[in-house]
Amino acid sequence: DMGKFKVVVDPTDIYSGRPEEALHCIFPSHFKKEAGTEATLMKEELEWRLREDGYGGDDEDGSLVFLDSDDLADLKALQAAVKECQNFVLLLTPGVLSRPWCLVEVVTAIRSGLNIVPVEVQRPGIKFKYPDEAYFKALGSGAAFP
């Protein structure tokens, strides 16, 4: 039921939320093996566009987009890194919801009230399958992922 989550539709929503608390504008969550390149390209493009819009102010050295593979030295700090962001972008690839750290990021983002932005990665050989009842039932029971 997507009614439980705030899904950002209007791109101007990335400027709303928790600016006083947020150290970063966007946290792109991804399964590195399936979307590492897309996450890196997204970070570069979004940071450029955000700075062009004046979002970053004078802090040109600060990272507006927190990419864990670039910016995280310790996985123990992963949840704190998610909480320090204003928006959570989930790159939807076939295996993203089977990765424990990605699920930790999703749950942290939801509990922290971040804007959630799902982005389906589309390229040959990659097709995200949206979860069905069987997935949620298995997840809720603690069984292995379907």
N, C-alpha and C. Protein backbone atom coordinates (compact mmCIF):
# COMPACT_ATOMS: atom_id res chain seq x y z
N ASP A 1 0.84 -1.17 0.00
CA ASP A 1 0.00 0.00 0.00
C ASP A 1 0.89 1.24 0.00
N MET A 2 0.99 1.93 -1.12
CA MET A 2 1.86 3.09 -1.24
C MET A 2 1.30 4.29 -0.48
N GLY A 3 0.09 4.20 0.04
CA GLY A 3 -0.48 5.30 0.79
C GLY A 3 0.30 5.59 2.07
N LYS A 4 1.12 4.67 2.55
CA LYS A 4 1.89 4.86 3.76
C LYS A 4 3.14 5.69 3.54
N PHE A 5 3.54 5.88 2.30
CA PHE A 5 4.79 6.55 1.99
C PHE A 5 4.53 7.83 1.22
N LYS A 6 5.38 8.82 1.45
CA LYS A 6 5.30 10.04 0.67
C LYS A 6 6.18 9.84 -0.56
N VAL A 7 5.58 9.79 -1.71
CA VAL A 7 6.32 9.66 -2.96
C VAL A 7 6.34 11.03 -3.63
N VAL A 8 7.53 11.53 -3.88
CA VAL A 8 7.67 12.85 -4.47
C VAL A 8 7.35 12.78 -5.96
N VAL A 9 6.40 13.58 -6.39
CA VAL A 9 6.03 13.65 -7.81
C VAL A 9 6.51 14.96 -8.40
N ASP A 10 6.37 16.03 -7.65
CA ASP A 10 6.78 17.35 -8.09
C ASP A 10 8.27 17.54 -7.80
N PRO A 11 9.11 17.74 -8.83
CA PRO A 11 10.55 17.87 -8.59
C PRO A 11 10.92 19.00 -7.65
N THR A 12 10.08 20.01 -7.50
CA THR A 12 10.41 21.10 -6.58
C THR A 12 10.33 20.63 -5.13
N ASP A 13 9.72 19.46 -4.87
CA ASP A 13 9.65 18.94 -3.51
C ASP A 13 11.03 18.61 -2.95
N ILE A 14 12.04 18.45 -3.80
CA ILE A 14 13.37 18.15 -3.26
C ILE A 14 13.90 19.31 -2.43
N TYR A 15 13.33 20.49 -2.59
CA TYR A 15 13.77 21.64 -1.82
C TYR A 15 13.00 21.79 -0.52
N SER A 16 11.97 20.97 -0.32
CA SER A 16 11.19 21.06 0.91
C SER A 16 11.63 19.96 1.87
N GLY A 17 11.10 19.98 3.06
CA GLY A 17 11.41 18.91 4.00
C GLY A 17 12.12 19.43 5.22
N ARG A 18 13.32 18.94 5.48
CA ARG A 18 14.01 19.21 6.72
C ARG A 18 15.34 19.93 6.48
N PRO A 19 15.35 21.13 5.90
CA PRO A 19 16.61 21.76 5.55
C PRO A 19 17.52 22.05 6.75
N GLU A 20 16.96 22.32 7.93
CA GLU A 20 17.79 22.61 9.09
C GLU A 20 18.58 21.38 9.54
N GLU A 21 18.00 20.22 9.41
CA GLU A 21 18.62 18.99 9.87
C GLU A 21 19.45 18.31 8.79
N ALA A 22 19.12 18.50 7.55
CA ALA A 22 19.74 17.74 6.46
C ALA A 22 21.12 18.28 6.11
N LEU A 23 22.09 17.38 6.08
CA LEU A 23 23.43 17.74 5.63
C LEU A 23 23.55 17.57 4.12
N HIS A 24 22.71 16.71 3.57
CA HIS A 24 22.73 16.41 2.14
C HIS A 24 21.31 16.51 1.60
N CYS A 25 21.19 16.80 0.35
CA CYS A 25 19.88 16.90 -0.27
C CYS A 25 19.33 15.52 -0.63
N ILE A 26 20.19 14.64 -1.16
CA ILE A 26 19.71 13.36 -1.72
C ILE A 26 20.62 12.21 -1.31
N PHE A 27 20.00 11.09 -0.98
CA PHE A 27 20.70 9.84 -0.72
C PHE A 27 20.20 8.82 -1.74
N PRO A 28 20.99 8.48 -2.77
CA PRO A 28 20.56 7.46 -3.73
C PRO A 28 20.92 6.05 -3.21
N SER A 29 19.91 5.27 -2.92
CA SER A 29 20.11 3.90 -2.46
C SER A 29 20.11 2.98 -3.67
N HIS A 30 21.09 2.07 -3.71
CA HIS A 30 21.22 1.22 -4.90
C HIS A 30 21.97 -0.06 -4.57
N PHE A 31 21.75 -1.07 -5.39
CA PHE A 31 22.52 -2.31 -5.35
C PHE A 31 23.69 -2.07 -6.29
N LYS A 32 24.89 -1.92 -5.71
CA LYS A 32 26.06 -1.48 -6.47
C LYS A 32 26.31 -2.31 -7.72
N LYS A 33 26.15 -3.63 -7.61
CA LYS A 33 26.40 -4.51 -8.76
C LYS A 33 25.46 -4.20 -9.93
N GLU A 34 24.23 -3.79 -9.63
CA GLU A 34 23.22 -3.56 -10.68
C GLU A 34 23.08 -2.09 -11.08
N ALA A 35 23.43 -1.16 -10.18
CA ALA A 35 23.18 0.25 -10.49
C ALA A 35 24.27 1.19 -9.98
N GLY A 36 25.47 0.69 -9.78
CA GLY A 36 26.56 1.54 -9.31
C GLY A 36 26.89 2.66 -10.27
N THR A 37 26.91 2.34 -11.56
CA THR A 37 27.20 3.36 -12.57
C THR A 37 26.11 4.41 -12.61
N GLU A 38 24.86 3.96 -12.58
CA GLU A 38 23.72 4.90 -12.61
C GLU A 38 23.74 5.82 -11.39
N ALA A 39 24.07 5.26 -10.23
CA ALA A 39 24.11 6.07 -9.01
C ALA A 39 25.19 7.14 -9.09
N THR A 40 26.35 6.77 -9.62
CA THR A 40 27.45 7.74 -9.76
C THR A 40 27.10 8.83 -10.75
N LEU A 41 26.54 8.44 -11.89
CA LEU A 41 26.14 9.43 -12.89
C LEU A 41 25.03 10.34 -12.36
N MET A 42 24.09 9.75 -11.61
CA MET A 42 23.00 10.52 -11.02
C MET A 42 23.56 11.54 -10.03
N LYS A 43 24.52 11.12 -9.21
CA LYS A 43 25.12 12.03 -8.23
C LYS A 43 25.75 13.22 -8.93
N GLU A 44 26.55 12.97 -9.95
CA GLU A 44 27.23 14.05 -10.66
C GLU A 44 26.23 15.03 -11.28
N GLU A 45 25.23 14.49 -11.95
CA GLU A 45 24.25 15.35 -12.63
C GLU A 45 23.39 16.13 -11.63
N LEU A 46 22.92 15.46 -10.58
CA LEU A 46 22.08 16.14 -9.59
C LEU A 46 22.83 17.23 -8.85
N GLU A 47 24.08 16.94 -8.48
CA GLU A 47 24.86 17.97 -7.79
C GLU A 47 25.06 19.19 -8.68
N TRP A 48 25.36 18.95 -9.95
CA TRP A 48 25.54 20.06 -10.88
C TRP A 48 24.25 20.88 -10.98
N ARG A 49 23.12 20.18 -11.18
CA ARG A 49 21.85 20.89 -11.33
C ARG A 49 21.43 21.62 -10.04
N LEU A 50 21.63 21.00 -8.91
CA LEU A 50 21.28 21.65 -7.64
C LEU A 50 22.12 22.91 -7.43
N ARG A 51 23.40 22.84 -7.73
CA ARG A 51 24.26 24.02 -7.59
C ARG A 51 23.85 25.11 -8.59
N GLU A 52 23.48 24.70 -9.80
CA GLU A 52 23.00 25.66 -10.80
C GLU A 52 21.76 26.39 -10.30
N ASP A 53 20.91 25.67 -9.52
CA ASP A 53 19.70 26.26 -8.97
C ASP A 53 19.97 27.04 -7.69
N GLY A 54 21.24 27.07 -7.26
CA GLY A 54 21.59 27.81 -6.06
C GLY A 54 21.31 27.07 -4.77
N TYR A 55 21.04 25.78 -4.85
CA TYR A 55 20.68 25.03 -3.65
C TYR A 55 21.84 24.89 -2.67
N GLY A 56 23.05 24.70 -3.17
CA GLY A 56 24.20 24.44 -2.30
C GLY A 56 24.79 25.67 -1.67
N GLY A 57 24.31 26.84 -2.05
CA GLY A 57 24.87 28.07 -1.51
C GLY A 57 26.33 28.20 -1.88
N ASP A 58 27.13 28.69 -0.95
CA ASP A 58 28.56 28.89 -1.20
C ASP A 58 29.39 27.66 -0.89
N ASP A 59 28.77 26.61 -0.37
CA ASP A 59 29.50 25.41 0.04
C ASP A 59 29.76 24.51 -1.16
N GLU A 60 30.74 24.86 -1.96
CA GLU A 60 31.02 24.10 -3.18
C GLU A 60 31.72 22.79 -2.89
N ASP A 61 32.33 22.66 -1.70
CA ASP A 61 33.04 21.42 -1.36
C ASP A 61 32.11 20.39 -0.73
N GLY A 62 30.97 20.82 -0.21
CA GLY A 62 30.04 19.90 0.44
C GLY A 62 29.32 19.04 -0.58
N SER A 63 29.00 17.84 -0.18
CA SER A 63 28.31 16.92 -1.06
C SER A 63 26.80 17.08 -0.88
N LEU A 64 26.14 17.51 -1.94
CA LEU A 64 24.68 17.63 -1.90
C LEU A 64 24.02 16.27 -2.04
N VAL A 65 24.69 15.36 -2.72
CA VAL A 65 24.18 14.00 -2.92
C VAL A 65 25.14 13.06 -2.20
N PHE A 66 24.62 12.31 -1.23
CA PHE A 66 25.44 11.39 -0.45
C PHE A 66 25.42 10.01 -1.11
N LEU A 67 26.51 9.63 -1.70
CA LEU A 67 26.62 8.31 -2.32
C LEU A 67 27.50 7.45 -1.41
N ASP A 68 26.93 6.40 -0.84
CA ASP A 68 27.67 5.63 0.16
C ASP A 68 29.00 5.10 -0.34
N SER A 69 29.09 4.70 -1.59
CA SER A 69 30.36 4.16 -2.10
C SER A 69 31.44 5.23 -2.21
N ASP A 70 31.05 6.51 -2.25
CA ASP A 70 32.02 7.62 -2.29
C ASP A 70 32.26 8.23 -0.92
N ASP A 71 31.19 8.33 -0.13
CA ASP A 71 31.21 9.18 1.05
C ASP A 71 31.18 8.44 2.39
N LEU A 72 31.05 7.12 2.39
CA LEU A 72 30.90 6.39 3.65
C LEU A 72 32.14 5.57 3.95
N ALA A 73 32.75 5.82 5.09
CA ALA A 73 33.95 5.09 5.48
C ALA A 73 33.63 3.88 6.34
N ASP A 74 32.46 3.89 7.00
CA ASP A 74 32.11 2.83 7.94
C ASP A 74 30.63 2.48 7.79
N LEU A 75 30.33 1.22 7.48
CA LEU A 75 28.93 0.81 7.30
C LEU A 75 28.10 1.02 8.57
N LYS A 76 28.75 1.08 9.72
CA LYS A 76 28.02 1.31 10.96
C LYS A 76 27.36 2.69 10.96
N ALA A 77 27.87 3.59 10.13
CA ALA A 77 27.34 4.96 10.07
C ALA A 77 26.27 5.12 8.99
N LEU A 78 25.88 4.01 8.36
CA LEU A 78 24.95 4.07 7.24
C LEU A 78 23.60 4.69 7.62
N GLN A 79 23.01 4.24 8.71
CA GLN A 79 21.71 4.78 9.11
C GLN A 79 21.80 6.27 9.42
N ALA A 80 22.86 6.69 10.06
CA ALA A 80 23.04 8.11 10.35
C ALA A 80 23.15 8.91 9.05
N ALA A 81 23.84 8.35 8.07
CA ALA A 81 23.99 9.03 6.78
C ALA A 81 22.63 9.21 6.09
N VAL A 82 21.78 8.20 6.16
CA VAL A 82 20.44 8.32 5.58
C VAL A 82 19.66 9.41 6.29
N LYS A 83 19.71 9.43 7.62
CA LYS A 83 18.97 10.41 8.42
C LYS A 83 19.44 11.84 8.15
N GLU A 84 20.67 12.00 7.69
CA GLU A 84 21.23 13.33 7.44
C GLU A 84 20.86 13.87 6.07
N CYS A 85 20.01 13.13 5.34
CA CYS A 85 19.60 13.56 4.01
C CYS A 85 18.15 14.04 4.04
N GLN A 86 17.80 14.79 3.04
CA GLN A 86 16.46 15.35 2.93
C GLN A 86 15.56 14.46 2.07
N ASN A 87 16.16 13.82 1.05
CA ASN A 87 15.41 13.00 0.09
C ASN A 87 16.10 11.66 -0.09
N PHE A 88 15.31 10.62 -0.25
CA PHE A 88 15.83 9.26 -0.42
C PHE A 88 15.39 8.76 -1.79
N VAL A 89 16.37 8.50 -2.67
CA VAL A 89 16.09 7.99 -4.00
C VAL A 89 16.44 6.51 -4.01
N LEU A 90 15.46 5.66 -4.32
CA LEU A 90 15.69 4.22 -4.40
C LEU A 90 15.77 3.82 -5.87
N LEU A 91 16.97 3.39 -6.30
CA LEU A 91 17.15 2.94 -7.68
C LEU A 91 16.64 1.51 -7.78
N LEU A 92 15.54 1.34 -8.48
CA LEU A 92 14.86 0.05 -8.57
C LEU A 92 15.51 -0.83 -9.63
N THR A 93 16.15 -1.89 -9.16
CA THR A 93 16.76 -2.92 -10.02
C THR A 93 16.31 -4.27 -9.47
N PRO A 94 16.48 -5.35 -10.23
CA PRO A 94 15.96 -6.64 -9.80
C PRO A 94 16.37 -7.09 -8.39
N GLY A 95 17.59 -6.80 -7.98
CA GLY A 95 18.05 -7.32 -6.69
C GLY A 95 18.06 -6.34 -5.54
N VAL A 96 17.62 -5.11 -5.74
CA VAL A 96 17.77 -4.09 -4.70
C VAL A 96 17.02 -4.45 -3.41
N LEU A 97 15.86 -5.07 -3.51
CA LEU A 97 15.09 -5.40 -2.30
C LEU A 97 15.52 -6.71 -1.67
N SER A 98 16.56 -7.33 -2.21
CA SER A 98 17.11 -8.54 -1.60
C SER A 98 18.41 -8.24 -0.87
N ARG A 99 18.84 -6.99 -0.91
CA ARG A 99 20.09 -6.58 -0.27
C ARG A 99 19.81 -6.04 1.13
N PRO A 100 20.36 -6.69 2.15
CA PRO A 100 20.07 -6.26 3.53
C PRO A 100 20.36 -4.78 3.79
N TRP A 101 21.48 -4.27 3.31
CA TRP A 101 21.81 -2.87 3.58
C TRP A 101 20.84 -1.92 2.87
N CYS A 102 20.38 -2.31 1.69
CA CYS A 102 19.39 -1.48 0.99
C CYS A 102 18.08 -1.43 1.78
N LEU A 103 17.69 -2.57 2.34
CA LEU A 103 16.47 -2.60 3.16
C LEU A 103 16.63 -1.76 4.43
N VAL A 104 17.81 -1.80 5.03
CA VAL A 104 18.08 -0.96 6.20
C VAL A 104 17.93 0.51 5.81
N GLU A 105 18.46 0.87 4.65
CA GLU A 105 18.34 2.25 4.18
C GLU A 105 16.88 2.65 3.96
N VAL A 106 16.10 1.77 3.33
CA VAL A 106 14.69 2.06 3.06
C VAL A 106 13.93 2.27 4.37
N VAL A 107 14.09 1.36 5.30
CA VAL A 107 13.38 1.45 6.59
C VAL A 107 13.80 2.72 7.33
N THR A 108 15.09 3.03 7.32
CA THR A 108 15.58 4.24 7.99
C THR A 108 14.98 5.49 7.36
N ALA A 109 14.91 5.52 6.04
CA ALA A 109 14.34 6.68 5.34
C ALA A 109 12.86 6.86 5.69
N ILE A 110 12.13 5.76 5.71
CA ILE A 110 10.70 5.83 6.04
C ILE A 110 10.51 6.31 7.48
N ARG A 111 11.24 5.70 8.40
CA ARG A 111 11.11 6.07 9.82
C ARG A 111 11.56 7.51 10.08
N SER A 112 12.44 8.03 9.24
CA SER A 112 12.96 9.39 9.41
C SER A 112 12.11 10.43 8.70
N GLY A 113 11.10 9.98 7.97
CA GLY A 113 10.19 10.91 7.29
C GLY A 113 10.78 11.59 6.07
N LEU A 114 11.77 10.97 5.45
CA LEU A 114 12.37 11.54 4.25
C LEU A 114 11.39 11.45 3.07
N ASN A 115 11.55 12.34 2.11
CA ASN A 115 10.83 12.19 0.84
C ASN A 115 11.39 10.95 0.17
N ILE A 116 10.51 10.08 -0.33
CA ILE A 116 10.93 8.84 -0.99
C ILE A 116 10.68 9.00 -2.49
N VAL A 117 11.74 8.79 -3.28
CA VAL A 117 11.65 8.94 -4.73
C VAL A 117 12.10 7.63 -5.38
N PRO A 118 11.16 6.79 -5.83
CA PRO A 118 11.55 5.56 -6.54
C PRO A 118 11.92 5.88 -7.98
N VAL A 119 13.04 5.33 -8.43
CA VAL A 119 13.49 5.54 -9.81
C VAL A 119 13.78 4.17 -10.42
N GLU A 120 13.02 3.80 -11.42
CA GLU A 120 13.22 2.51 -12.06
C GLU A 120 14.36 2.60 -13.08
N VAL A 121 15.40 1.78 -12.87
CA VAL A 121 16.53 1.74 -13.81
C VAL A 121 16.09 0.90 -15.00
N GLN A 122 16.18 1.49 -16.17
CA GLN A 122 15.75 0.78 -17.38
C GLN A 122 16.90 0.70 -18.36
N ARG A 123 17.31 -0.53 -18.63
CA ARG A 123 18.32 -0.80 -19.65
C ARG A 123 18.18 -2.26 -20.03
N PRO A 124 18.71 -2.67 -21.18
CA PRO A 124 18.58 -4.07 -21.59
C PRO A 124 19.10 -5.03 -20.52
N GLY A 125 18.31 -6.04 -20.23
CA GLY A 125 18.69 -7.05 -19.26
C GLY A 125 18.33 -6.70 -17.82
N ILE A 126 17.82 -5.51 -17.58
CA ILE A 126 17.44 -5.08 -16.23
C ILE A 126 15.95 -4.76 -16.21
N LYS A 127 15.20 -5.48 -15.37
CA LYS A 127 13.76 -5.23 -15.26
C LYS A 127 13.37 -5.43 -13.81
N PHE A 128 12.98 -4.34 -13.16
CA PHE A 128 12.55 -4.42 -11.76
C PHE A 128 11.17 -5.05 -11.69
N LYS A 129 11.02 -6.03 -10.82
CA LYS A 129 9.71 -6.66 -10.59
C LYS A 129 9.16 -6.08 -9.29
N TYR A 130 8.03 -5.40 -9.40
CA TYR A 130 7.43 -4.80 -8.23
C TYR A 130 6.97 -5.89 -7.27
N PRO A 131 7.21 -5.69 -5.97
CA PRO A 131 6.85 -6.72 -4.98
C PRO A 131 5.37 -7.03 -4.97
N ASP A 132 5.07 -8.30 -4.74
CA ASP A 132 3.67 -8.75 -4.65
C ASP A 132 3.41 -9.22 -3.22
N GLU A 133 2.24 -9.77 -2.99
CA GLU A 133 1.87 -10.24 -1.65
C GLU A 133 2.85 -11.29 -1.13
N ALA A 134 3.30 -12.18 -2.02
CA ALA A 134 4.22 -13.25 -1.60
C ALA A 134 5.52 -12.65 -1.04
N TYR A 135 6.01 -11.61 -1.68
CA TYR A 135 7.24 -10.95 -1.21
C TYR A 135 7.04 -10.41 0.20
N PHE A 136 5.94 -9.65 0.40
CA PHE A 136 5.71 -9.02 1.69
C PHE A 136 5.42 -10.06 2.78
N LYS A 137 4.76 -11.13 2.40
CA LYS A 137 4.48 -12.21 3.36
C LYS A 137 5.80 -12.85 3.81
N ALA A 138 6.67 -13.16 2.86
CA ALA A 138 7.97 -13.76 3.18
C ALA A 138 8.82 -12.79 4.01
N LEU A 139 8.80 -11.53 3.65
CA LEU A 139 9.57 -10.52 4.38
C LEU A 139 9.06 -10.40 5.82
N GLY A 140 7.75 -10.36 5.97
CA GLY A 140 7.14 -10.23 7.31
C GLY A 140 7.38 -11.42 8.20
N SER A 141 7.51 -12.60 7.61
CA SER A 141 7.72 -13.80 8.41
C SER A 141 9.19 -14.07 8.69
N GLY A 142 10.06 -13.27 8.08
CA GLY A 142 11.50 -13.47 8.29
C GLY A 142 12.06 -14.58 7.43
N ALA A 143 11.26 -15.11 6.51
CA ALA A 143 11.74 -16.17 5.63
C ALA A 143 12.71 -15.59 4.61
N ALA A 144 13.40 -16.46 3.93
CA ALA A 144 14.32 -16.03 2.87
C ALA A 144 13.54 -15.24 1.83
N PHE A 145 14.21 -14.34 1.19
CA PHE A 145 13.56 -13.52 0.17
C PHE A 145 13.12 -14.39 -0.99
N PRO A 146 11.90 -14.08 -1.52
CA PRO A 146 11.42 -14.87 -2.67
C PRO A 146 12.25 -14.62 -3.91
